[in-house]
PDB file of N, CA and C in Angstrom:
ATOM      1  N   MET A   1     -11.389  11.070   7.798  1.00  0.00           N
ATOM      2  CA  MET A   1     -10.290  10.930   6.882  1.00  0.00           C
ATOM      3  C   MET A   1      -9.766   9.488   6.955  1.00  0.00           C
ATOM      4  N   VAL A   2      -9.303   8.978   5.843  1.00  0.00           N
ATOM      5  CA  VAL A   2      -8.763   7.622   5.759  1.00  0.00           C
ATOM      6  C   VAL A   2      -7.245   7.688   5.917  1.00  0.00           C
ATOM      7  N   THR A   3      -6.705   6.758   6.721  1.00  0.00           N
ATOM      8  CA  THR A   3      -5.285   6.732   7.025  1.00  0.00           C
ATOM      9  C   THR A   3      -4.707   5.347   6.756  1.00  0.00           C
ATOM     10  N   ILE A   4      -3.478   5.309   6.280  1.00  0.00           N
ATOM     11  CA  ILE A   4      -2.736   4.061   6.140  1.00  0.00           C
ATOM     12  C   ILE A   4      -1.755   4.033   7.303  1.00  0.00           C
ATOM     13  N   ARG A   5      -1.940   3.060   8.204  1.00  0.00           N
ATOM     14  CA  ARG A   5      -1.121   3.009   9.406  1.00  0.00           C
ATOM     15  C   ARG A   5      -0.883   1.574   9.853  1.00  0.00           C
ATOM     16  N   LEU A   6      -0.128   1.422  10.941  1.00  0.00           N
ATOM     17  CA  LEU A   6       0.195   0.106  11.474  1.00  0.00           C
ATOM     18  C   LEU A   6      -0.829  -0.307  12.521  1.00  0.00           C
ATOM     19  N   ALA A   7      -1.208  -1.595  12.513  1.00  0.00           N
ATOM     20  CA  ALA A   7      -2.049  -2.185  13.550  1.00  0.00           C
ATOM     21  C   ALA A   7      -1.226  -3.295  14.188  1.00  0.00           C
ATOM     22  N   ARG A   8      -1.060  -3.242  15.495  1.00  0.00           N
ATOM     23  CA  ARG A   8      -0.190  -4.188  16.176  1.00  0.00           C
ATOM     24  C   ARG A   8      -0.848  -5.543  16.369  1.00  0.00           C
ATOM     25  N   GLY A   9      -0.036  -6.578  16.196  1.00  0.00           N
ATOM     26  CA  GLY A   9      -0.440  -7.943  16.482  1.00  0.00           C
ATOM     27  C   GLY A   9       0.738  -8.628  17.139  1.00  0.00           C
ATOM     28  N   GLY A  10       0.727  -9.940  17.195  1.00  0.00           N
ATOM     29  CA  GLY A  10       1.837 -10.664  17.787  1.00  0.00           C
ATOM     30  C   GLY A  10       1.694 -10.796  19.280  1.00  0.00           C
ATOM     31  N   ALA A  11       2.723 -11.313  19.905  1.00  0.00           N
ATOM     32  CA  ALA A  11       2.710 -11.578  21.339  1.00  0.00           C
ATOM     33  C   ALA A  11       3.468 -10.502  22.097  1.00  0.00           C
ATOM     34  N   LYS A  12       3.417 -10.596  23.416  1.00  0.00           N
ATOM     35  CA  LYS A  12       4.157  -9.689  24.271  1.00  0.00           C
ATOM     36  C   LYS A  12       5.646  -9.820  23.976  1.00  0.00           C
ATOM     37  N   LYS A  13       6.315  -8.713  23.776  1.00  0.00           N
ATOM     38  CA  LYS A  13       7.744  -8.638  23.451  1.00  0.00           C
ATOM     39  C   LYS A  13       8.096  -9.279  22.110  1.00  0.00           C
ATOM     40  N   ALA A  14       7.102  -9.557  21.283  1.00  0.00           N
ATOM     41  CA  ALA A  14       7.328 -10.087  19.932  1.00  0.00           C
ATOM     42  C   ALA A  14       6.345  -9.404  18.992  1.00  0.00           C
ATOM     43  N   PRO A  15       6.559  -8.120  18.696  1.00  0.00           N
ATOM     44  CA  PRO A  15       5.581  -7.370  17.905  1.00  0.00           C
ATOM     45  C   PRO A  15       5.529  -7.812  16.450  1.00  0.00           C
ATOM     46  N   PHE A  16       4.356  -7.652  15.869  1.00  0.00           N
ATOM     47  CA  PHE A  16       4.114  -7.909  14.451  1.00  0.00           C
ATOM     48  C   PHE A  16       3.050  -6.908  14.040  1.00  0.00           C
ATOM     49  N   TYR A  17       3.280  -6.184  12.966  1.00  0.00           N
ATOM     50  CA  TYR A  17       2.365  -5.124  12.565  1.00  0.00           C
ATOM     51  C   TYR A  17       1.764  -5.402  11.195  1.00  0.00           C
ATOM     52  N   HIS A  18       0.466  -5.162  11.071  1.00  0.00           N
ATOM     53  CA  HIS A  18      -0.203  -5.201   9.777  1.00  0.00           C
ATOM     54  C   HIS A  18      -0.306  -3.772   9.277  1.00  0.00           C
ATOM     55  N   ILE A  19      -0.083  -3.568   7.993  1.00  0.00           N
ATOM     56  CA  ILE A  19      -0.253  -2.257   7.381  1.00  0.00           C
ATOM     57  C   ILE A  19      -1.686  -2.225   6.859  1.00  0.00           C
ATOM     58  N   VAL A  20      -2.506  -1.326   7.409  1.00  0.00           N
ATOM     59  CA  VAL A  20      -3.930  -1.324   7.117  1.00  0.00           C
ATOM     60  C   VAL A  20      -4.423   0.058   6.715  1.00  0.00           C
ATOM     61  N   VAL A  21      -5.539   0.066   6.004  1.00  0.00           N
ATOM     62  CA  VAL A  21      -6.260   1.294   5.685  1.00  0.00           C
ATOM     63  C   VAL A  21      -7.429   1.362   6.656  1.00  0.00           C
ATOM     64  N   THR A  22      -7.550   2.461   7.364  1.00  0.00           N
ATOM     65  CA  THR A  22      -8.595   2.584   8.370  1.00  0.00           C
ATOM     66  C   THR A  22      -9.038   4.037   8.508  1.00  0.00           C
ATOM     67  N   ASP A  23     -10.157   4.225   9.173  1.00  0.00           N
ATOM     68  CA  ASP A  23     -10.630   5.567   9.501  1.00  0.00           C
ATOM     69  C   ASP A  23      -9.708   6.131  10.572  1.00  0.00           C
ATOM     70  N   SER A  24      -9.300   7.360  10.434  1.00  0.00           N
ATOM     71  CA  SER A  24      -8.336   7.949  11.364  1.00  0.00           C
ATOM     72  C   SER A  24      -8.893   8.069  12.779  1.00  0.00           C
ATOM     73  N   ARG A  25     -10.205   8.041  12.940  1.00  0.00           N
ATOM     74  CA  ARG A  25     -10.807   8.175  14.262  1.00  0.00           C
ATOM     75  C   ARG A  25     -10.905   6.857  15.020  1.00  0.00           C
ATOM     76  N   SER A  26     -10.676   5.743  14.339  1.00  0.00           N
ATOM     77  CA  SER A  26     -10.821   4.441  14.985  1.00  0.00           C
ATOM     78  C   SER A  26      -9.582   4.088  15.800  1.00  0.00           C
ATOM     79  N   PRO A  27      -9.739   3.260  16.845  1.00  0.00           N
ATOM     80  CA  PRO A  27      -8.588   2.843  17.649  1.00  0.00           C
ATOM     81  C   PRO A  27      -7.574   2.052  16.817  1.00  0.00           C
ATOM     82  N   ARG A  28      -6.354   1.988  17.297  1.00  0.00           N
ATOM     83  CA  ARG A  28      -5.242   1.398  16.555  1.00  0.00           C
ATOM     84  C   ARG A  28      -5.514  -0.017  16.060  1.00  0.00           C
ATOM     85  N   ASP A  29      -6.004  -0.891  16.928  1.00  0.00           N
ATOM     86  CA  ASP A  29      -6.139  -2.300  16.574  1.00  0.00           C
ATOM     87  C   ASP A  29      -7.567  -2.724  16.249  1.00  0.00           C
ATOM     88  N   SER A  30      -8.456  -1.772  16.062  1.00  0.00           N
ATOM     89  CA  SER A  30      -9.852  -2.128  15.759  1.00  0.00           C
ATOM     90  C   SER A  30      -9.991  -2.480  14.279  1.00  0.00           C
ATOM     91  N   GLY A  31     -11.210  -2.597  13.823  1.00  0.00           N
ATOM     92  CA  GLY A  31     -11.470  -2.981  12.440  1.00  0.00           C
ATOM     93  C   GLY A  31     -10.814  -2.057  11.430  1.00  0.00           C
ATOM     94  N   TYR A  32     -10.618  -2.572  10.240  1.00  0.00           N
ATOM     95  CA  TYR A  32      -9.967  -1.804   9.193  1.00  0.00           C
ATOM     96  C   TYR A  32     -10.696  -2.022   7.875  1.00  0.00           C
ATOM     97  N   ILE A  33     -10.400  -1.186   6.894  1.00  0.00           N
ATOM     98  CA  ILE A  33     -11.035  -1.268   5.582  1.00  0.00           C
ATOM     99  C   ILE A  33     -10.337  -2.324   4.731  1.00  0.00           C
ATOM    100  N   GLU A  34      -9.004  -2.278   4.687  1.00  0.00           N
ATOM    101  CA  GLU A  34      -8.238  -3.210   3.864  1.00  0.00           C
ATOM    102  C   GLU A  34      -6.842  -3.398   4.455  1.00  0.00           C
ATOM    103  N   GLN A  35      -6.330  -4.618   4.377  1.00  0.00           N
ATOM    104  CA  GLN A  35      -4.973  -4.913   4.810  1.00  0.00           C
ATOM    105  C   GLN A  35      -4.057  -4.861   3.594  1.00  0.00           C
ATOM    106  N   LEU A  36      -2.951  -4.112   3.711  1.00  0.00           N
ATOM    107  CA  LEU A  36      -2.068  -3.873   2.572  1.00  0.00           C
ATOM    108  C   LEU A  36      -0.703  -4.537   2.693  1.00  0.00           C
ATOM    109  N   GLY A  37      -0.393  -5.114   3.818  1.00  0.00           N
ATOM    110  CA  GLY A  37       0.897  -5.759   3.990  1.00  0.00           C
ATOM    111  C   GLY A  37       1.201  -5.974   5.452  1.00  0.00           C
ATOM    112  N   TYR A  38       2.472  -6.256   5.741  1.00  0.00           N
ATOM    113  CA  TYR A  38       2.884  -6.451   7.124  1.00  0.00           C
ATOM    114  C   TYR A  38       4.327  -6.025   7.327  1.00  0.00           C
ATOM    115  N   PHE A  39       4.671  -5.814   8.601  1.00  0.00           N
ATOM    116  CA  PHE A  39       6.005  -5.411   9.018  1.00  0.00           C
ATOM    117  C   PHE A  39       6.379  -6.228  10.247  1.00  0.00           C
ATOM    118  N   ASN A  40       7.489  -6.949  10.164  1.00  0.00           N
ATOM    119  CA  ASN A  40       7.967  -7.774  11.268  1.00  0.00           C
ATOM    120  C   ASN A  40       9.312  -7.215  11.731  1.00  0.00           C
ATOM    121  N   PRO A  41       9.328  -6.363  12.765  1.00  0.00           N
ATOM    122  CA  PRO A  41      10.573  -5.712  13.173  1.00  0.00           C
ATOM    123  C   PRO A  41      11.591  -6.657  13.799  1.00  0.00           C
ATOM    124  N   VAL A  42      11.179  -7.851  14.221  1.00  0.00           N
ATOM    125  CA  VAL A  42      12.099  -8.793  14.859  1.00  0.00           C
ATOM    126  C   VAL A  42      12.403  -9.985  13.955  1.00  0.00           C
ATOM    127  N   ALA A  43      12.299  -9.802  12.637  1.00  0.00           N
ATOM    128  CA  ALA A  43      12.563 -10.887  11.681  1.00  0.00           C
ATOM    129  C   ALA A  43      14.025 -11.302  11.754  1.00  0.00           C
ATOM    130  N   ARG A  44      14.231 -12.620  11.698  1.00  0.00           N
ATOM    131  CA  ARG A  44      15.595 -13.159  11.735  1.00  0.00           C
ATOM    132  C   ARG A  44      15.752 -14.164  10.616  1.00  0.00           C
ATOM    133  N   GLY A  45      16.973 -14.302  10.132  1.00  0.00           N
ATOM    134  CA  GLY A  45      17.268 -15.317   9.127  1.00  0.00           C
ATOM    135  C   GLY A  45      16.508 -15.098   7.838  1.00  0.00           C
ATOM    136  N   GLN A  46      15.786 -16.107   7.396  1.00  0.00           N
ATOM    137  CA  GLN A  46      15.063 -16.066   6.126  1.00  0.00           C
ATOM    138  C   GLN A  46      13.673 -15.443   6.239  1.00  0.00           C
ATOM    139  N   GLU A  47      13.261 -15.023   7.420  1.00  0.00           N
ATOM    140  CA  GLU A  47      11.945 -14.408   7.594  1.00  0.00           C
ATOM    141  C   GLU A  47      11.857 -13.091   6.834  1.00  0.00           C
ATOM    142  N   VAL A  48      10.696 -12.823   6.276  1.00  0.00           N
ATOM    143  CA  VAL A  48      10.468 -11.578   5.546  1.00  0.00           C
ATOM    144  C   VAL A  48      10.184 -10.469   6.555  1.00  0.00           C
ATOM    145  N   ARG A  49      10.938  -9.382   6.483  1.00  0.00           N
ATOM    146  CA  ARG A  49      10.776  -8.268   7.416  1.00  0.00           C
ATOM    147  C   ARG A  49       9.646  -7.328   7.006  1.00  0.00           C
ATOM    148  N   LEU A  50       9.508  -7.092   5.698  1.00  0.00           N
ATOM    149  CA  LEU A  50       8.549  -6.102   5.217  1.00  0.00           C
ATOM    150  C   LEU A  50       7.924  -6.576   3.918  1.00  0.00           C
ATOM    151  N   HIS A  51       6.602  -6.552   3.864  1.00  0.00           N
ATOM    152  CA  HIS A  51       5.882  -6.919   2.643  1.00  0.00           C
ATOM    153  C   HIS A  51       4.736  -5.925   2.463  1.00  0.00           C
ATOM    154  N   MET A  52       4.610  -5.366   1.274  1.00  0.00           N
ATOM    155  CA  MET A  52       3.552  -4.399   0.979  1.00  0.00           C
ATOM    156  C   MET A  52       2.969  -4.653  -0.394  1.00  0.00           C
ATOM    157  N   ASN A  53       1.678  -4.362  -0.538  1.00  0.00           N
ATOM    158  CA  ASN A  53       1.027  -4.365  -1.846  1.00  0.00           C
ATOM    159  C   ASN A  53       1.086  -2.923  -2.346  1.00  0.00           C
ATOM    160  N   GLN A  54       2.141  -2.609  -3.080  1.00  0.00           N
ATOM    161  CA  GLN A  54       2.410  -1.227  -3.476  1.00  0.00           C
ATOM    162  C   GLN A  54       1.319  -0.665  -4.385  1.00  0.00           C
ATOM    163  N   GLU A  55       0.735  -1.490  -5.236  1.00  0.00           N
ATOM    164  CA  GLU A  55      -0.331  -1.014  -6.130  1.00  0.00           C
ATOM    165  C   GLU A  55      -1.534  -0.516  -5.333  1.00  0.00           C
ATOM    166  N   ARG A  56      -1.914  -1.273  -4.297  1.00  0.00           N
ATOM    167  CA  ARG A  56      -3.071  -0.872  -3.486  1.00  0.00           C
ATOM    168  C   ARG A  56      -2.756   0.363  -2.650  1.00  0.00           C
ATOM    169  N   ILE A  57      -1.516   0.490  -2.197  1.00  0.00           N
ATOM    170  CA  ILE A  57      -1.140   1.691  -1.447  1.00  0.00           C
ATOM    171  C   ILE A  57      -1.247   2.910  -2.342  1.00  0.00           C
ATOM    172  N   GLU A  58      -0.734   2.809  -3.569  1.00  0.00           N
ATOM    173  CA  GLU A  58      -0.843   3.924  -4.511  1.00  0.00           C
ATOM    174  C   GLU A  58      -2.305   4.240  -4.813  1.00  0.00           C
ATOM    175  N   HIS A  59      -3.141   3.214  -4.912  1.00  0.00           N
ATOM    176  CA  HIS A  59      -4.576   3.405  -5.151  1.00  0.00           C
ATOM    177  C   HIS A  59      -5.195   4.235  -4.021  1.00  0.00           C
ATOM    178  N   TRP A  60      -4.909   3.853  -2.761  1.00  0.00           N
ATOM    179  CA  TRP A  60      -5.500   4.568  -1.633  1.00  0.00           C
ATOM    180  C   TRP A  60      -4.953   5.980  -1.507  1.00  0.00           C
ATOM    181  N   VAL A  61      -3.671   6.172  -1.786  1.00  0.00           N
ATOM    182  CA  VAL A  61      -3.092   7.515  -1.718  1.00  0.00           C
ATOM    183  C   VAL A  61      -3.726   8.407  -2.792  1.00  0.00           C
ATOM    184  N   SER A  62      -3.982   7.842  -3.978  1.00  0.00           N
ATOM    185  CA  SER A  62      -4.629   8.626  -5.029  1.00  0.00           C
ATOM    186  C   SER A  62      -6.059   9.001  -4.660  1.00  0.00           C
ATOM    187  N   LYS A  63      -6.691   8.213  -3.807  1.00  0.00           N
ATOM    188  CA  LYS A  63      -8.049   8.519  -3.334  1.00  0.00           C
ATOM    189  C   LYS A  63      -8.053   9.505  -2.177  1.00  0.00           C
ATOM    190  N   GLY A  64      -6.852   9.872  -1.678  1.00  0.00           N
ATOM    191  CA  GLY A  64      -6.762  10.881  -0.629  1.00  0.00           C
ATOM    192  C   GLY A  64      -6.348  10.365   0.730  1.00  0.00           C
ATOM    193  N   ALA A  65      -5.994   9.094   0.843  1.00  0.00           N
ATOM    194  CA  ALA A  65      -5.569   8.542   2.126  1.00  0.00           C
ATOM    195  C   ALA A  65      -4.207   9.107   2.515  1.00  0.00           C
ATOM    196  N   GLN A  66      -4.030   9.375   3.797  1.00  0.00           N
ATOM    197  CA  GLN A  66      -2.766   9.882   4.313  1.00  0.00           C
ATOM    198  C   GLN A  66      -2.007   8.729   4.965  1.00  0.00           C
ATOM    199  N   THR A  67      -0.694   8.660   4.751  1.00  0.00           N
ATOM    200  CA  THR A  67       0.102   7.636   5.413  1.00  0.00           C
ATOM    201  C   THR A  67       0.622   8.189   6.739  1.00  0.00           C
ATOM    202  N   SER A  68       0.743   7.310   7.722  1.00  0.00           N
ATOM    203  CA  SER A  68       1.353   7.727   8.981  1.00  0.00           C
ATOM    204  C   SER A  68       2.841   7.946   8.740  1.00  0.00           C
ATOM    205  N   GLU A  69       3.500   8.575   9.685  1.00  0.00           N
ATOM    206  CA  GLU A  69       4.925   8.863   9.524  1.00  0.00           C
ATOM    207  C   GLU A  69       5.728   7.569   9.369  1.00  0.00           C
ATOM    208  N   ARG A  70       5.452   6.585  10.199  1.00  0.00           N
ATOM    209  CA  ARG A  70       6.192   5.325  10.156  1.00  0.00           C
ATOM    210  C   ARG A  70       5.928   4.560   8.860  1.00  0.00           C
ATOM    211  N   VAL A  71       4.691   4.527   8.402  1.00  0.00           N
ATOM    212  CA  VAL A  71       4.367   3.832   7.157  1.00  0.00           C
ATOM    213  C   VAL A  71       5.039   4.526   5.982  1.00  0.00           C
ATOM    214  N   GLY A  72       5.139   5.842   6.018  1.00  0.00           N
ATOM    215  CA  GLY A  72       5.842   6.575   4.970  1.00  0.00           C
ATOM    216  C   GLY A  72       7.306   6.172   4.882  1.00  0.00           C
ATOM    217  N   LYS A  73       7.956   6.025   6.040  1.00  0.00           N
ATOM    218  CA  LYS A  73       9.353   5.594   6.066  1.00  0.00           C
ATOM    219  C   LYS A  73       9.490   4.164   5.564  1.00  0.00           C
ATOM    220  N   LEU A  74       8.563   3.284   5.966  1.00  0.00           N
ATOM    221  CA  LEU A  74       8.607   1.892   5.518  1.00  0.00           C
ATOM    222  C   LEU A  74       8.368   1.794   4.015  1.00  0.00           C
ATOM    223  N   LEU A  75       7.485   2.624   3.490  1.00  0.00           N
ATOM    224  CA  LEU A  75       7.200   2.633   2.056  1.00  0.00           C
ATOM    225  C   LEU A  75       8.447   3.057   1.265  1.00  0.00           C
ATOM    226  N   ALA A  76       9.146   4.071   1.757  1.00  0.00           N
ATOM    227  CA  ALA A  76      10.381   4.502   1.101  1.00  0.00           C
ATOM    228  C   ALA A  76      11.428   3.388   1.148  1.00  0.00           C
ATOM    229  N   GLU A  77      11.532   2.701   2.276  1.00  0.00           N
ATOM    230  CA  GLU A  77      12.468   1.581   2.404  1.00  0.00           C
ATOM    231  C   GLU A  77      12.104   0.460   1.444  1.00  0.00           C
ATOM    232  N   PHE A  78      10.801   0.157   1.326  1.00  0.00           N
ATOM    233  CA  PHE A  78      10.325  -0.910   0.446  1.00  0.00           C
ATOM    234  C   PHE A  78      10.627  -0.580  -1.017  1.00  0.00           C
ATOM    235  N   ARG A  79      10.390   0.659  -1.418  1.00  0.00           N
ATOM    236  CA  ARG A  79      10.684   1.084  -2.780  1.00  0.00           C
ATOM    237  C   ARG A  79      12.171   0.973  -3.093  1.00  0.00           C
ATOM    238  N   LYS A  80      13.010   1.412  -2.156  1.00  0.00           N
ATOM    239  CA  LYS A  80      14.459   1.337  -2.330  1.00  0.00           C
ATOM    240  C   LYS A  80      14.911  -0.126  -2.426  1.00  0.00           C
ATOM    241  N   GLN A  81      14.337  -0.966  -1.606  1.00  0.00           N
ATOM    242  CA  GLN A  81      14.670  -2.401  -1.578  1.00  0.00           C
ATOM    243  C   GLN A  81      14.298  -3.077  -2.894  1.00  0.00           C
ATOM    244  N   ASN A  82      13.181  -2.714  -3.478  1.00  0.00           N
ATOM    245  CA  ASN A  82      12.712  -3.349  -4.709  1.00  0.00           C
ATOM    246  C   ASN A  82      13.346  -2.766  -5.957  1.00  0.00           C
ATOM    247  N   GLN A  83      13.977  -1.603  -5.872  1.00  0.00           N
ATOM    248  CA  GLN A  83      14.675  -1.027  -7.022  1.00  0.00           C
ATOM    249  C   GLN A  83      15.956  -1.781  -7.320  1.00  0.00           C
ATOM    250  N   ALA A  84      16.622  -2.239  -6.287  1.00  0.00           N
ATOM    251  CA  ALA A  84      17.931  -2.898  -6.448  1.00  0.00           C
ATOM    252  C   ALA A  84      17.825  -4.232  -7.152  1.00  0.00           C
TER     253      ALA A  84
END
């Protein structure tokens, strides 16, 4: 099954996550099919906290990809942020 989930990057105590499409059986930070955006939980000032390619996410969901719980919450936040 294909999953849309977070892959961790960044340094120790400074996390940075890529939102990726990957096989659900693969390890968290291993190879992925496509990168769809990023999430920076420690963004400060003018730094962008969340960026997503919403069209590609909708494309993968229509093909049957499941989003992880955290990515689902981030997607809802992103949609709310872009509506305003």
